[in-house]
Amino acid sequence: MSTDADSPAARAGRTSAAGSALEKSLRILEAVAAPGGPHRLTDVTAAAAVAKSSTFRILASLIEQGFVRPEPDSRYGVGPRLRGLSALVSAGEPADVERILDELRQATGQTVHLALHTGETITYIRKLESDQPFRTASRVGMRMPLHTTAIGKGILAHLPAEEVRELISATGLPGRTPHSLTTPEALRAELEAVRARGFAVDDEENEPTIRCVGAPVLGPMGRPVGGVSVTTVTFLVSREQIEAYAPALRAATQALAPLL
């Protein structure tokens, strides 16, 4: 009797127990990401050539990490972190992305960030520093909360209400500064304002003395895949001044949409 451990796919390149577990996880990810999804557990099991019990256990871990998303009718679809990786790998020509961001930096004279939506966080994938005599603590690869950042609030404002409720329940909205929005009521009111004006402001909500304006980059179905922010310090740029960057910011996010 043959099991997934004896299958040719499992034997190919297998050098250790850890390697075997990694191979199974990668095959399961490939099966989940295959066309025609979301897929049933039995279909994922068959496509990945992994035993049902192992598939279920690995899927649970991938869901927890945000690479797989549970869907109705006991199906499994691509999660936000896997979508984020896909967008990062296939993001247009790097030169095009850099050009758009650099034009925004030149138009505002401030630091510019590009981030992807990665589950309960955003992840910075580009940072173009300004010529100002200060540097922010952010860096490429850093993951930040949605509810305390301008990019994150822009993303939340364009997600379905049920997803926002799930995020609030999962994270608890921890504060990072005295200005952070830490209650569901305050956050929902802020998201309504963000939708109305088309951009979000982080006014020392994520880091003291840092002020940002951000807007989401929307995918073809109107779902946010990430966002862009213009970042400065409160003692140099007022809230009114940073909000004046919104038209240039939104032009940049629209130009980036086909590239992410």
Protein backbone atom coordinates (compact mmCIF):
# COMPACT_ATOMS: atom_id res chain seq x y z
CA MET A 1 0.00 0.00 0.00
CA SER A 2 1.45 3.34 -1.06
CA THR A 3 1.26 6.54 0.99
CA ASP A 4 2.20 10.11 0.17
CA ALA A 5 5.56 9.46 1.88
CA ASP A 6 6.32 6.77 -0.77
CA SER A 7 5.09 8.75 -3.76
CA PRO A 8 7.55 9.78 -6.47
CA ALA A 9 6.84 13.46 -5.74
CA ALA A 10 7.70 13.00 -2.09
CA ARG A 11 10.83 10.94 -2.80
CA ALA A 12 12.21 13.40 -5.38
CA GLY A 13 14.98 15.39 -3.74
CA ARG A 14 14.04 14.23 -0.27
CA THR A 15 17.08 14.44 1.98
CA SER A 16 15.64 14.81 5.49
CA ALA A 17 12.45 14.87 7.53
CA ALA A 18 12.56 18.67 7.51
CA GLY A 19 13.06 18.69 3.75
CA SER A 20 10.09 16.40 3.32
CA ALA A 21 7.88 18.68 5.42
CA LEU A 22 9.00 21.70 3.38
CA GLU A 23 8.31 19.89 0.12
CA LYS A 24 4.82 18.97 1.29
CA SER A 25 4.10 22.56 2.30
CA LEU A 26 5.29 23.89 -1.06
CA ARG A 27 3.20 21.36 -2.99
CA ILE A 28 0.16 22.27 -0.92
CA LEU A 29 0.74 25.97 -1.64
CA GLU A 30 0.97 25.18 -5.35
CA ALA A 31 -2.27 23.22 -5.16
CA VAL A 32 -4.09 26.01 -3.33
CA ALA A 33 -2.82 28.59 -5.85
CA ALA A 34 -3.80 26.51 -8.90
CA PRO A 35 -6.40 27.98 -11.28
CA GLY A 36 -10.05 27.37 -10.46
CA GLY A 37 -9.74 28.02 -6.72
CA PRO A 38 -10.73 28.13 -3.95
CA HIS A 39 -10.20 24.37 -3.77
CA ARG A 40 -11.68 21.63 -1.59
CA LEU A 41 -9.48 19.75 0.86
CA THR A 42 -9.79 16.54 -1.16
CA ASP A 43 -8.64 18.35 -4.31
CA VAL A 44 -5.66 19.94 -2.53
CA THR A 45 -4.73 16.56 -1.06
CA ALA A 46 -4.86 14.85 -4.45
CA ALA A 47 -2.99 17.60 -6.31
CA ALA A 48 -0.24 17.84 -3.69
CA ALA A 49 0.08 14.05 -3.23
CA VAL A 50 0.03 14.50 0.55
CA ALA A 51 -2.01 12.46 3.04
CA LYS A 52 -5.25 14.11 4.12
CA SER A 53 -4.25 14.37 7.78
CA SER A 54 -0.92 15.99 6.88
CA THR A 55 -2.59 18.33 4.39
CA PHE A 56 -5.09 19.49 7.00
CA ARG A 57 -2.35 20.10 9.56
CA ILE A 58 -0.15 22.02 7.11
CA LEU A 59 -3.10 24.07 5.86
CA ALA A 60 -3.88 25.09 9.44
CA SER A 61 -0.32 26.38 9.85
CA LEU A 62 -0.41 28.18 6.48
CA ILE A 63 -3.70 29.82 7.44
CA GLU A 64 -2.22 30.99 10.74
CA GLN A 65 0.72 32.53 8.86
CA GLY A 66 -1.55 34.20 6.29
CA PHE A 67 -0.40 32.24 3.23
CA VAL A 68 -3.73 30.42 2.84
CA ARG A 69 -7.24 31.73 3.48
CA PRO A 70 -10.19 29.53 4.52
CA GLU A 71 -13.20 30.06 2.28
CA PRO A 72 -16.88 29.05 2.52
CA ASP A 73 -17.87 25.41 1.95
CA SER A 74 -14.61 24.12 3.48
CA ARG A 75 -12.50 25.40 0.60
CA TYR A 76 -9.06 26.98 0.66
CA GLY A 77 -7.83 30.00 -1.27
CA VAL A 78 -4.74 32.15 -1.60
CA GLY A 79 -4.02 34.19 1.55
CA PRO A 80 -2.83 37.79 1.78
CA ARG A 81 0.82 37.00 2.47
CA LEU A 82 1.05 34.76 -0.59
CA ARG A 83 -0.66 37.45 -2.68
CA GLY A 84 1.81 39.95 -1.30
CA LEU A 85 4.77 37.79 -2.30
CA SER A 86 3.27 37.32 -5.75
CA ALA A 87 2.81 41.05 -6.17
CA LEU A 88 6.34 41.72 -5.01
CA VAL A 89 7.84 39.23 -7.46
CA SER A 90 5.74 40.31 -10.42
CA ALA A 91 5.58 44.05 -9.73
CA GLY A 92 6.01 45.49 -13.21
CA GLU A 93 9.44 46.70 -14.18
CA PRO A 94 11.32 47.81 -11.06
CA ALA A 95 12.41 50.91 -12.96
CA ASP A 96 8.78 51.90 -13.54
CA VAL A 97 7.92 51.53 -9.86
CA GLU A 98 11.00 53.48 -8.80
CA ARG A 99 10.26 56.23 -11.33
CA ILE A 100 6.71 56.75 -10.06
CA LEU A 101 7.84 56.84 -6.45
CA ASP A 102 10.73 59.16 -7.23
CA GLU A 103 8.41 61.58 -9.04
CA LEU A 104 6.26 61.67 -5.91
CA ARG A 105 9.31 62.27 -3.73
CA GLN A 106 10.42 65.14 -5.94
CA ALA A 107 6.92 66.66 -6.04
CA THR A 108 6.63 66.66 -2.24
CA GLY A 109 10.24 66.84 -1.08
CA GLN A 110 9.45 64.14 1.50
CA THR A 111 10.18 60.47 2.16
CA VAL A 112 8.00 58.04 0.19
CA HIS A 113 7.04 54.47 1.12
CA LEU A 114 5.44 51.67 -0.88
CA ALA A 115 3.94 48.81 1.13
CA LEU A 116 1.98 45.63 0.41
CA HIS A 117 -1.03 44.42 2.35
CA THR A 118 0.11 41.31 4.21
CA GLY A 119 -2.74 40.02 6.36
CA GLU A 120 -3.00 41.94 9.61
CA THR A 121 -0.07 44.17 8.65
CA ILE A 122 1.52 46.12 5.86
CA THR A 123 5.06 45.32 4.71
CA TYR A 124 7.30 48.02 3.28
CA ILE A 125 8.85 46.99 -0.04
CA ARG A 126 10.25 50.36 -1.17
CA LYS A 127 11.51 53.44 0.69
CA LEU A 128 12.86 56.56 -0.98
CA GLU A 129 14.42 58.96 1.51
CA SER A 130 13.94 62.71 1.23
CA ASP A 131 16.77 65.21 1.22
CA GLN A 132 15.60 66.53 4.57
CA PRO A 133 18.10 66.39 7.48
CA PHE A 134 16.23 63.61 9.29
CA ARG A 135 15.64 59.88 8.83
CA THR A 136 12.66 57.79 9.85
CA ALA A 137 13.05 54.41 11.55
CA SER A 138 11.14 52.54 8.85
CA ARG A 139 12.97 50.13 6.56
CA VAL A 140 12.24 47.79 3.68
CA GLY A 141 10.86 44.50 5.00
CA MET A 142 9.40 46.05 8.15
CA ARG A 143 5.84 44.99 8.98
CA MET A 144 3.55 47.57 10.58
CA PRO A 145 -0.02 47.58 11.94
CA LEU A 146 -2.89 48.58 9.70
CA HIS A 147 -4.80 50.72 12.18
CA THR A 148 -1.92 53.05 13.15
CA THR A 149 -0.45 53.81 9.71
CA ALA A 150 -1.71 56.01 6.88
CA ILE A 151 -1.23 53.23 4.32
CA GLY A 152 -2.92 50.74 6.63
CA LYS A 153 -5.95 52.94 7.27
CA GLY A 154 -6.27 53.55 3.54
CA ILE A 155 -6.32 49.78 3.01
CA LEU A 156 -8.82 49.16 5.82
CA ALA A 157 -11.17 51.78 4.39
CA HIS A 158 -11.47 49.72 1.20
CA LEU A 159 -11.92 46.29 2.79
CA PRO A 160 -15.33 44.70 3.45
CA ALA A 161 -16.77 45.58 6.87
CA GLU A 162 -16.65 41.93 7.97
CA GLU A 163 -12.90 41.75 7.32
CA VAL A 164 -12.37 44.91 9.33
CA ARG A 165 -14.36 43.41 12.23
CA GLU A 166 -12.26 40.25 12.05
CA LEU A 167 -9.06 42.27 12.14
CA ILE A 168 -10.22 44.32 15.11
CA SER A 169 -11.09 41.09 16.93
CA ALA A 170 -7.76 39.48 16.06
CA THR A 171 -5.45 42.39 16.90
CA GLY A 172 -7.29 44.19 19.67
CA LEU A 173 -6.08 47.54 18.21
CA PRO A 174 -3.05 48.03 20.46
CA GLY A 175 -1.83 51.60 20.81
CA ARG A 176 1.65 52.60 19.70
CA THR A 177 1.43 56.25 20.83
CA PRO A 178 -1.08 58.30 22.83
CA HIS A 179 -2.61 59.34 19.48
CA SER A 180 -3.33 55.79 18.22
CA LEU A 181 -6.94 54.83 17.53
CA THR A 182 -7.55 51.96 19.93
CA THR A 183 -11.32 51.49 19.94
CA PRO A 184 -13.50 50.00 17.19
CA GLU A 185 -15.77 53.07 17.26
CA ALA A 186 -12.90 55.52 16.74
CA LEU A 187 -11.38 53.42 13.98
CA ARG A 188 -14.66 52.97 12.09
CA ALA A 189 -15.34 56.72 12.24
CA GLU A 190 -11.85 57.37 10.90
CA LEU A 191 -12.31 54.88 8.05
CA GLU A 192 -15.53 56.63 7.00
CA ALA A 193 -13.59 59.89 6.81
CA VAL A 194 -10.82 58.20 4.81
CA ARG A 195 -13.32 56.88 2.27
CA ALA A 196 -14.93 60.30 1.95
CA ARG A 197 -11.70 62.21 1.26
CA GLY A 198 -9.78 59.48 -0.58
CA PHE A 199 -6.67 59.44 1.62
CA ALA A 200 -5.61 58.75 5.21
CA VAL A 201 -3.43 60.64 7.66
CA ASP A 202 -1.25 59.18 10.40
CA ASP A 203 -0.82 62.10 12.80
CA GLU A 204 1.72 60.69 15.29
CA GLU A 205 -0.42 57.57 15.63
CA ASN A 206 2.36 55.11 14.84
CA GLU A 207 5.48 57.00 15.94
CA PRO A 208 5.96 60.27 17.87
CA THR A 209 6.77 63.35 15.73
CA ILE A 210 6.04 61.44 12.49
CA ARG A 211 3.19 62.58 10.23
CA CYS A 212 2.16 60.73 7.05
CA VAL A 213 -0.47 60.90 4.34
CA GLY A 214 -1.29 57.64 2.59
CA ALA A 215 -3.57 56.12 -0.03
CA PRO A 216 -4.21 52.54 -1.17
CA VAL A 217 -3.20 50.94 -4.44
CA LEU A 218 -6.32 49.14 -5.67
CA GLY A 219 -6.34 45.93 -7.69
CA PRO A 220 -8.58 45.24 -10.70
CA MET A 221 -11.59 44.34 -8.52
CA GLY A 222 -11.16 47.38 -6.30
CA ARG A 223 -9.48 45.41 -3.52
CA PRO A 224 -6.40 47.08 -1.99
CA VAL A 225 -3.14 45.27 -2.64
CA GLY A 226 -0.97 47.84 -0.90
CA GLY A 227 -0.45 51.56 -0.59
CA VAL A 228 1.86 54.55 -0.78
CA SER A 229 2.63 57.17 1.85
CA VAL A 230 4.41 60.50 2.06
CA THR A 231 6.19 60.81 5.40
CA THR A 232 7.58 63.81 7.25
CA VAL A 233 8.03 65.17 10.77
CA THR A 234 5.52 67.26 12.67
CA PHE A 235 7.92 70.12 13.43
CA LEU A 236 8.54 70.73 9.71
CA VAL A 237 5.20 70.06 8.00
CA SER A 238 1.75 70.85 9.38
CA ARG A 239 -1.25 68.61 8.93
CA GLU A 240 -2.71 71.06 6.41
CA GLN A 241 0.52 70.98 4.41
CA ILE A 242 0.77 67.21 4.31
CA GLU A 243 -2.85 66.88 3.23
CA ALA A 244 -1.98 69.14 0.29
CA TYR A 245 0.22 66.29 -1.00
CA ALA A 246 -2.87 64.10 -1.52
CA PRO A 247 -3.45 64.84 -5.24
CA ALA A 248 0.13 63.89 -6.15
CA LEU A 249 -0.11 60.85 -3.86
CA ARG A 250 -3.32 59.59 -5.45
CA ALA A 251 -1.88 60.10 -8.94
CA ALA A 252 1.05 57.88 -7.91
CA THR A 253 -1.20 55.12 -6.54
CA GLN A 254 -3.25 55.11 -9.74
CA ALA A 255 -0.08 54.87 -11.84
CA LEU A 256 1.17 51.97 -9.70
CA ALA A 257 -2.08 49.99 -9.82
CA PRO A 258 -1.30 48.15 -13.09
CA LEU A 259 2.20 47.28 -11.84
CA LEU A 260 1.28 45.53 -8.57
